Amino acid sequence: MSVRDFMSANVITVPPETKVSVAVNIMKENNIHRLPVIDDGELVGLVTQGTIQAASPSKATSLSIYEYNYLLNKMTVKDVMEPTVHTINADDFLEDAIYEMRKYQIGVLPVMSAGAVVGIITNNDILDAFLDVTDYNEDGTVVQVFVEKDRPGVIFDIGKIMAENQLNIQTLMVTHQGTTKVVEIHVDKEDGFSVASKLREAGLNAKEAERYKKVD
């Protein structure tokens, strides 16, 4: 899975001379929280609701609402943007984006390709990607198979058993719990019991997990 598969491609950008009040309106109108700042085709910063709030006068000041609005209309995006922006390449793996967000404790990465901003990916996009990978929005049943990490060929064995019994795999994921490898298989809802039974008959430690349903 690449970043390109899950990024928002219709990214809205602003030049550095944009008034802060205009940037605020753009974010409100488009229900977004961040705007990459582009100067002569180059990414030079990122303005967010947080950076604007941090640069705004405190509520404890004696400024009137008129004075406050005057300041917002005078300030430009360049005055409040974050000039150091972490980015990710569009063809990088999704897990690279997750690592960068975790490493720098940030919730957004502008996505680059050939030196230009081609999209933006946020922590919400990452969560959507996880739901997509796990087929969460499809009715199904989860069957878990517990094996020792050093057992080779278990995925092949599972696939063979499923094929021989004409059982369908929606998705398959492998995680680890200590020295145990957990193979999590998402199967058709009505097949959960049959899948677990056939895997157990083949000597595998399999159990049918709680059913999950499509969320509207």
C-alpha atoms as a PDB file:
ATOM      1  CA  MET A   1       0.000   0.000   0.000  1.00  0.00           C
ATOM      2  CA  SER A   2       1.399   3.354  -0.989  1.00  0.00           C
ATOM      3  CA  VAL A   3       0.726   6.798   0.393  1.00  0.00           C
ATOM      4  CA  ARG A   4      -0.747   7.708  -2.997  1.00  0.00           C
ATOM      5  CA  ASP A   5      -3.527   5.144  -2.488  1.00  0.00           C
ATOM      6  CA  PHE A   6      -4.887   6.847   0.634  1.00  0.00           C
ATOM      7  CA  MET A   7      -3.867  10.511   0.462  1.00  0.00           C
ATOM      8  CA  SER A   8      -6.291  13.336  -0.290  1.00  0.00           C
ATOM      9  CA  ALA A   9      -5.334  14.406  -3.797  1.00  0.00           C
ATOM     10  CA  ASN A  10      -7.469  17.552  -3.945  1.00  0.00           C
ATOM     11  CA  VAL A  11      -5.164  19.504  -1.686  1.00  0.00           C
ATOM     12  CA  ILE A  12      -5.842  23.221  -1.209  1.00  0.00           C
ATOM     13  CA  THR A  13      -2.780  25.443  -0.900  1.00  0.00           C
ATOM     14  CA  VAL A  14      -2.173  29.139  -0.268  1.00  0.00           C
ATOM     15  CA  PRO A  15       0.684  31.544  -1.035  1.00  0.00           C
ATOM     16  CA  PRO A  16       2.580  33.078   1.919  1.00  0.00           C
ATOM     17  CA  GLU A  17       1.090  36.544   1.389  1.00  0.00           C
ATOM     18  CA  THR A  18      -2.439  35.260   2.035  1.00  0.00           C
ATOM     19  CA  LYS A  19      -4.130  37.097   4.898  1.00  0.00           C
ATOM     20  CA  VAL A  20      -4.736  34.963   7.962  1.00  0.00           C
ATOM     21  CA  SER A  21      -8.416  35.865   7.905  1.00  0.00           C
ATOM     22  CA  VAL A  22      -8.649  34.519   4.348  1.00  0.00           C
ATOM     23  CA  ALA A  23      -6.867  31.291   5.336  1.00  0.00           C
ATOM     24  CA  VAL A  24      -9.299  30.841   8.237  1.00  0.00           C
ATOM     25  CA  ASN A  25     -12.263  31.241   5.881  1.00  0.00           C
ATOM     26  CA  ILE A  26     -10.781  28.769   3.397  1.00  0.00           C
ATOM     27  CA  MET A  27     -10.404  26.152   6.126  1.00  0.00           C
ATOM     28  CA  LYS A  28     -13.932  26.737   7.401  1.00  0.00           C
ATOM     29  CA  GLU A  29     -15.515  26.617   3.948  1.00  0.00           C
ATOM     30  CA  ASN A  30     -13.733  23.389   3.029  1.00  0.00           C
ATOM     31  CA  ASN A  31     -13.929  21.754   6.464  1.00  0.00           C
ATOM     32  CA  ILE A  32     -10.158  21.284   6.657  1.00  0.00           C
ATOM     33  CA  HIS A  33      -7.607  22.107   9.337  1.00  0.00           C
ATOM     34  CA  ARG A  34      -4.334  22.581   7.424  1.00  0.00           C
ATOM     35  CA  LEU A  35      -3.095  24.444   4.366  1.00  0.00           C
ATOM     36  CA  PRO A  36       0.302  23.854   2.725  1.00  0.00           C
ATOM     37  CA  VAL A  37       1.956  27.162   1.859  1.00  0.00           C
ATOM     38  CA  ILE A  38       3.403  27.320  -1.665  1.00  0.00           C
ATOM     39  CA  ASP A  39       5.750  30.030  -2.921  1.00  0.00           C
ATOM     40  CA  ASP A  40       6.738  29.920  -6.595  1.00  0.00           C
ATOM     41  CA  GLY A  41       5.894  26.220  -6.781  1.00  0.00           C
ATOM     42  CA  GLU A  42       7.883  25.321  -3.656  1.00  0.00           C
ATOM     43  CA  LEU A  43       6.522  24.140  -0.318  1.00  0.00           C
ATOM     44  CA  VAL A  44       7.671  26.728   2.239  1.00  0.00           C
ATOM     45  CA  GLY A  45       5.420  26.051   5.211  1.00  0.00           C
ATOM     46  CA  LEU A  46       2.235  24.704   6.691  1.00  0.00           C
ATOM     47  CA  VAL A  47      -0.479  26.774   8.306  1.00  0.00           C
ATOM     48  CA  THR A  48      -2.943  25.085  10.637  1.00  0.00           C
ATOM     49  CA  GLN A  49      -5.670  26.072  13.037  1.00  0.00           C
ATOM     50  CA  GLY A  50      -3.130  25.405  15.770  1.00  0.00           C
ATOM     51  CA  THR A  51      -0.433  27.709  14.387  1.00  0.00           C
ATOM     52  CA  ILE A  52      -2.994  30.473  13.867  1.00  0.00           C
ATOM     53  CA  GLN A  53      -4.313  30.094  17.395  1.00  0.00           C
ATOM     54  CA  ALA A  54      -0.785  30.100  18.818  1.00  0.00           C
ATOM     55  CA  ALA A  55      -0.004  33.357  17.024  1.00  0.00           C
ATOM     56  CA  SER A  56      -3.298  35.035  17.911  1.00  0.00           C
ATOM     57  CA  PRO A  57      -3.596  37.418  20.872  1.00  0.00           C
ATOM     58  CA  SER A  58      -4.554  35.764  24.140  1.00  0.00           C
ATOM     59  CA  LYS A  59      -8.154  36.017  25.323  1.00  0.00           C
ATOM     60  CA  ALA A  60      -6.742  37.694  28.385  1.00  0.00           C
ATOM     61  CA  THR A  61      -5.655  40.743  26.411  1.00  0.00           C
ATOM     62  CA  SER A  62      -7.635  43.969  26.444  1.00  0.00           C
ATOM     63  CA  LEU A  63      -8.057  43.996  22.653  1.00  0.00           C
ATOM     64  CA  SER A  64     -11.558  44.592  21.408  1.00  0.00           C
ATOM     65  CA  ILE A  65     -13.117  42.337  18.787  1.00  0.00           C
ATOM     66  CA  TYR A  66     -12.474  45.073  16.224  1.00  0.00           C
ATOM     67  CA  GLU A  67      -8.795  45.304  17.131  1.00  0.00           C
ATOM     68  CA  TYR A  68      -8.537  41.512  17.068  1.00  0.00           C
ATOM     69  CA  ASN A  69     -10.082  41.294  13.597  1.00  0.00           C
ATOM     70  CA  TYR A  70      -7.835  44.138  12.456  1.00  0.00           C
ATOM     71  CA  LEU A  71      -4.768  42.123  13.478  1.00  0.00           C
ATOM     72  CA  LEU A  72      -6.017  39.019  11.677  1.00  0.00           C
ATOM     73  CA  ASN A  73      -6.582  41.059   8.553  1.00  0.00           C
ATOM     74  CA  LYS A  74      -3.063  42.514   8.769  1.00  0.00           C
ATOM     75  CA  MET A  75      -1.246  39.247   9.518  1.00  0.00           C
ATOM     76  CA  THR A  76      -0.296  36.976   6.637  1.00  0.00           C
ATOM     77  CA  VAL A  77       0.114  33.226   6.481  1.00  0.00           C
ATOM     78  CA  LYS A  78       3.876  33.763   6.404  1.00  0.00           C
ATOM     79  CA  ASP A  79       3.643  35.289   9.892  1.00  0.00           C
ATOM     80  CA  VAL A  80       1.956  32.265  11.444  1.00  0.00           C
ATOM     81  CA  MET A  81       2.960  29.226   9.356  1.00  0.00           C
ATOM     82  CA  GLU A  82       5.268  26.443  10.491  1.00  0.00           C
ATOM     83  CA  PRO A  83       8.297  26.767   8.178  1.00  0.00           C
ATOM     84  CA  THR A  84       9.751  23.340   8.964  1.00  0.00           C
ATOM     85  CA  VAL A  85       7.464  20.838   7.276  1.00  0.00           C
ATOM     86  CA  HIS A  86       7.909  17.078   7.295  1.00  0.00           C
ATOM     87  CA  THR A  87       6.777  15.486   4.047  1.00  0.00           C
ATOM     88  CA  ILE A  88       6.361  12.047   2.514  1.00  0.00           C
ATOM     89  CA  ASN A  89       6.768  10.813  -1.052  1.00  0.00           C
ATOM     90  CA  ALA A  90       3.617   9.693  -2.846  1.00  0.00           C
ATOM     91  CA  ASP A  91       5.170   6.319  -3.695  1.00  0.00           C
ATOM     92  CA  ASP A  92       6.425   5.594  -0.174  1.00  0.00           C
ATOM     93  CA  PHE A  93       4.723   2.841   1.762  1.00  0.00           C
ATOM     94  CA  LEU A  94       1.833   3.793   4.023  1.00  0.00           C
ATOM     95  CA  GLU A  95       3.766   2.474   7.008  1.00  0.00           C
ATOM     96  CA  ASP A  96       6.530   5.004   6.230  1.00  0.00           C
ATOM     97  CA  ALA A  97       3.975   7.787   6.696  1.00  0.00           C
ATOM     98  CA  ILE A  98       2.826   6.243   9.971  1.00  0.00           C
ATOM     99  CA  TYR A  99       6.430   6.043  11.178  1.00  0.00           C
ATOM    100  CA  GLU A 100       7.087   9.694  10.292  1.00  0.00           C
ATOM    101  CA  MET A 101       3.931  10.852  12.075  1.00  0.00           C
ATOM    102  CA  ARG A 102       4.815   8.865  15.177  1.00  0.00           C
ATOM    103  CA  LYS A 103       8.460   9.941  15.122  1.00  0.00           C
ATOM    104  CA  TYR A 104       7.689  13.652  14.936  1.00  0.00           C
ATOM    105  CA  GLN A 105       4.376  13.537  16.829  1.00  0.00           C
ATOM    106  CA  ILE A 106       2.454  15.163  13.996  1.00  0.00           C
ATOM    107  CA  GLY A 107      -0.931  14.465  12.422  1.00  0.00           C
ATOM    108  CA  VAL A 108      -0.350  15.499   8.808  1.00  0.00           C
ATOM    109  CA  LEU A 109       2.178  15.106   6.013  1.00  0.00           C
ATOM    110  CA  PRO A 110       2.115  16.958   2.693  1.00  0.00           C
ATOM    111  CA  VAL A 111       2.679  14.387  -0.061  1.00  0.00           C
ATOM    112  CA  MET A 112       5.368  15.113  -2.642  1.00  0.00           C
ATOM    113  CA  SER A 113       6.110  13.890  -6.154  1.00  0.00           C
ATOM    114  CA  ALA A 114       8.838  15.315  -8.387  1.00  0.00           C
ATOM    115  CA  GLY A 115       9.296  18.217  -5.969  1.00  0.00           C
ATOM    116  CA  ALA A 116       5.656  19.287  -6.027  1.00  0.00           C
ATOM    117  CA  VAL A 117       2.847  18.874  -3.495  1.00  0.00           C
ATOM    118  CA  VAL A 118       0.392  16.356  -4.976  1.00  0.00           C
ATOM    119  CA  GLY A 119      -1.663  15.586  -1.898  1.00  0.00           C
ATOM    120  CA  ILE A 120      -1.909  15.508   1.852  1.00  0.00           C
ATOM    121  CA  ILE A 121      -2.274  12.605   4.247  1.00  0.00           C
ATOM    122  CA  THR A 122      -3.554  12.892   7.813  1.00  0.00           C
ATOM    123  CA  ASN A 123      -3.945  10.568  10.771  1.00  0.00           C
ATOM    124  CA  ASN A 124      -7.620  10.205   9.823  1.00  0.00           C
ATOM    125  CA  ASP A 125      -6.567   8.983   6.368  1.00  0.00           C
ATOM    126  CA  ILE A 126      -4.347   6.406   8.098  1.00  0.00           C
ATOM    127  CA  LEU A 127      -7.266   5.183  10.196  1.00  0.00           C
ATOM    128  CA  ASP A 128      -9.458   4.977   7.074  1.00  0.00           C
ATOM    129  CA  ALA A 129      -6.722   2.933   5.400  1.00  0.00           C
ATOM    130  CA  PHE A 130      -6.677   0.461   8.296  1.00  0.00           C
ATOM    131  CA  LEU A 131     -10.450   0.017   8.091  1.00  0.00           C
ATOM    132  CA  ASP A 132     -10.137  -0.513   4.346  1.00  0.00           C
ATOM    133  CA  VAL A 133      -7.370  -3.097   4.698  1.00  0.00           C
ATOM    134  CA  THR A 134      -9.350  -5.053   7.281  1.00  0.00           C
ATOM    135  CA  ASP A 135     -12.572  -4.941   5.233  1.00  0.00           C
ATOM    136  CA  TYR A 136     -14.288  -3.484   8.295  1.00  0.00           C
ATOM    137  CA  ASN A 137     -17.191  -2.147   6.263  1.00  0.00           C
ATOM    138  CA  GLU A 138     -18.018  -5.585   4.890  1.00  0.00           C
ATOM    139  CA  ASP A 139     -20.105  -8.110   6.812  1.00  0.00           C
ATOM    140  CA  GLY A 140     -17.855 -10.947   7.877  1.00  0.00           C
ATOM    141  CA  THR A 141     -16.373 -13.132  10.567  1.00  0.00           C
ATOM    142  CA  VAL A 142     -12.850 -13.183  11.961  1.00  0.00           C
ATOM    143  CA  VAL A 143     -11.070 -16.500  12.437  1.00  0.00           C
ATOM    144  CA  GLN A 144      -7.765 -16.427  14.304  1.00  0.00           C
ATOM    145  CA  VAL A 145      -5.035 -19.046  13.946  1.00  0.00           C
ATOM    146  CA  PHE A 146      -2.328 -19.187  16.615  1.00  0.00           C
ATOM    147  CA  VAL A 147       1.031 -20.677  15.610  1.00  0.00           C
ATOM    148  CA  GLU A 148       4.621 -20.500  16.786  1.00  0.00           C
ATOM    149  CA  LYS A 149       6.671 -17.896  14.948  1.00  0.00           C
ATOM    150  CA  ASP A 150       9.185 -20.431  13.689  1.00  0.00           C
ATOM    151  CA  ARG A 151       6.626 -22.632  11.922  1.00  0.00           C
ATOM    152  CA  PRO A 152       7.189 -22.275   8.152  1.00  0.00           C
ATOM    153  CA  GLY A 153       4.498 -22.566   5.483  1.00  0.00           C
ATOM    154  CA  VAL A 154       1.468 -21.872   7.670  1.00  0.00           C
ATOM    155  CA  ILE A 155      -0.029 -19.365   5.217  1.00  0.00           C
ATOM    156  CA  PHE A 156       0.299 -21.936   2.416  1.00  0.00           C
ATOM    157  CA  ASP A 157      -1.364 -24.567   4.616  1.00  0.00           C
ATOM    158  CA  ILE A 158      -4.271 -22.257   5.451  1.00  0.00           C
ATOM    159  CA  GLY A 159      -4.756 -21.329   1.806  1.00  0.00           C
ATOM    160  CA  LYS A 160      -4.754 -24.986   0.773  1.00  0.00           C
ATOM    161  CA  ILE A 161      -7.360 -25.931   3.394  1.00  0.00           C
ATOM    162  CA  MET A 162      -9.568 -23.017   2.375  1.00  0.00           C
ATOM    163  CA  ALA A 163      -9.314 -23.906  -1.329  1.00  0.00           C
ATOM    164  CA  GLU A 164     -10.023 -27.601  -0.761  1.00  0.00           C
ATOM    165  CA  ASN A 165     -13.198 -26.703   1.113  1.00  0.00           C
ATOM    166  CA  GLN A 166     -14.218 -23.923  -1.289  1.00  0.00           C
ATOM    167  CA  LEU A 167     -14.057 -21.304   1.456  1.00  0.00           C
ATOM    168  CA  ASN A 168     -13.371 -17.679   0.653  1.00  0.00           C
ATOM    169  CA  ILE A 169     -10.803 -15.367   2.304  1.00  0.00           C
ATOM    170  CA  GLN A 170     -11.796 -11.698   2.366  1.00  0.00           C
ATOM    171  CA  THR A 171      -8.545 -10.452   3.922  1.00  0.00           C
ATOM    172  CA  LEU A 172      -5.637 -11.963   5.838  1.00  0.00           C
ATOM    173  CA  MET A 173      -3.347 -10.270   8.347  1.00  0.00           C
ATOM    174  CA  VAL A 174      -0.451 -11.544  10.453  1.00  0.00           C
ATOM    175  CA  THR A 175       0.389 -10.069  13.856  1.00  0.00           C
ATOM    176  CA  HIS A 176       2.532 -11.204  16.770  1.00  0.00           C
ATOM    177  CA  GLN A 177       1.823 -11.850  20.438  1.00  0.00           C
ATOM    178  CA  GLY A 178       5.145 -12.604  22.097  1.00  0.00           C
ATOM    179  CA  THR A 179       6.477 -15.816  20.531  1.00  0.00           C
ATOM    180  CA  THR A 180       3.121 -16.567  18.932  1.00  0.00           C
ATOM    181  CA  LYS A 181       2.154 -15.591  15.401  1.00  0.00           C
ATOM    182  CA  VAL A 182      -1.536 -14.732  14.972  1.00  0.00           C
ATOM    183  CA  VAL A 183      -2.981 -15.210  11.507  1.00  0.00           C
ATOM    184  CA  GLU A 184      -6.254 -13.281  11.365  1.00  0.00           C
ATOM    185  CA  ILE A 185      -8.532 -14.311   8.523  1.00  0.00           C
ATOM    186  CA  HIS A 186     -11.645 -12.346   7.583  1.00  0.00           C
ATOM    187  CA  VAL A 187     -14.123 -14.672   5.926  1.00  0.00           C
ATOM    188  CA  ASP A 188     -17.731 -14.596   4.751  1.00  0.00           C
ATOM    189  CA  LYS A 189     -20.031 -14.227   7.744  1.00  0.00           C
ATOM    190  CA  GLU A 190     -21.781 -17.558   7.254  1.00  0.00           C
ATOM    191  CA  ASP A 191     -18.469 -19.449   6.868  1.00  0.00           C
ATOM    192  CA  GLY A 192     -16.833 -18.588  10.190  1.00  0.00           C
ATOM    193  CA  PHE A 193     -17.706 -21.814  12.012  1.00  0.00           C
ATOM    194  CA  SER A 194     -16.786 -23.997   9.017  1.00  0.00           C
ATOM    195  CA  VAL A 195     -13.427 -22.279   8.539  1.00  0.00           C
ATOM    196  CA  ALA A 196     -12.450 -22.636  12.191  1.00  0.00           C
ATOM    197  CA  SER A 197     -13.575 -26.289  12.223  1.00  0.00           C
ATOM    198  CA  LYS A 198     -11.654 -27.231   9.070  1.00  0.00           C
ATOM    199  CA  LEU A 199      -8.508 -25.526  10.320  1.00  0.00           C
ATOM    200  CA  ARG A 200      -8.753 -27.340  13.654  1.00  0.00           C
ATOM    201  CA  GLU A 201      -9.264 -30.668  11.849  1.00  0.00           C
ATOM    202  CA  ALA A 202      -5.951 -29.979  10.114  1.00  0.00           C
ATOM    203  CA  GLY A 203      -4.246 -29.577  13.483  1.00  0.00           C
ATOM    204  CA  LEU A 204      -4.178 -25.809  13.668  1.00  0.00           C
ATOM    205  CA  ASN A 205      -5.112 -23.840  16.781  1.00  0.00           C
ATOM    206  CA  ALA A 206      -8.010 -21.862  15.306  1.00  0.00           C
ATOM    207  CA  LYS A 207     -10.958 -20.089  16.839  1.00  0.00           C
ATOM    208  CA  GLU A 208     -13.834 -18.032  15.541  1.00  0.00           C
ATOM    209  CA  ALA A 209     -13.667 -14.518  16.957  1.00  0.00           C
ATOM    210  CA  GLU A 210     -16.594 -12.214  17.631  1.00  0.00           C
ATOM    211  CA  ARG A 211     -18.503 -11.340  14.483  1.00  0.00           C
ATOM    212  CA  TYR A 212     -18.274  -7.818  13.181  1.00  0.00           C
ATOM    213  CA  LYS A 213     -20.857  -6.083  11.058  1.00  0.00           C
ATOM    214  CA  LYS A 214     -20.808  -3.382   8.450  1.00  0.00           C
ATOM    215  CA  VAL A 215     -21.128   0.072   9.993  1.00  0.00           C
ATOM    216  CA  ASP A 216     -23.510   2.513   8.303  1.00  0.00           C
END
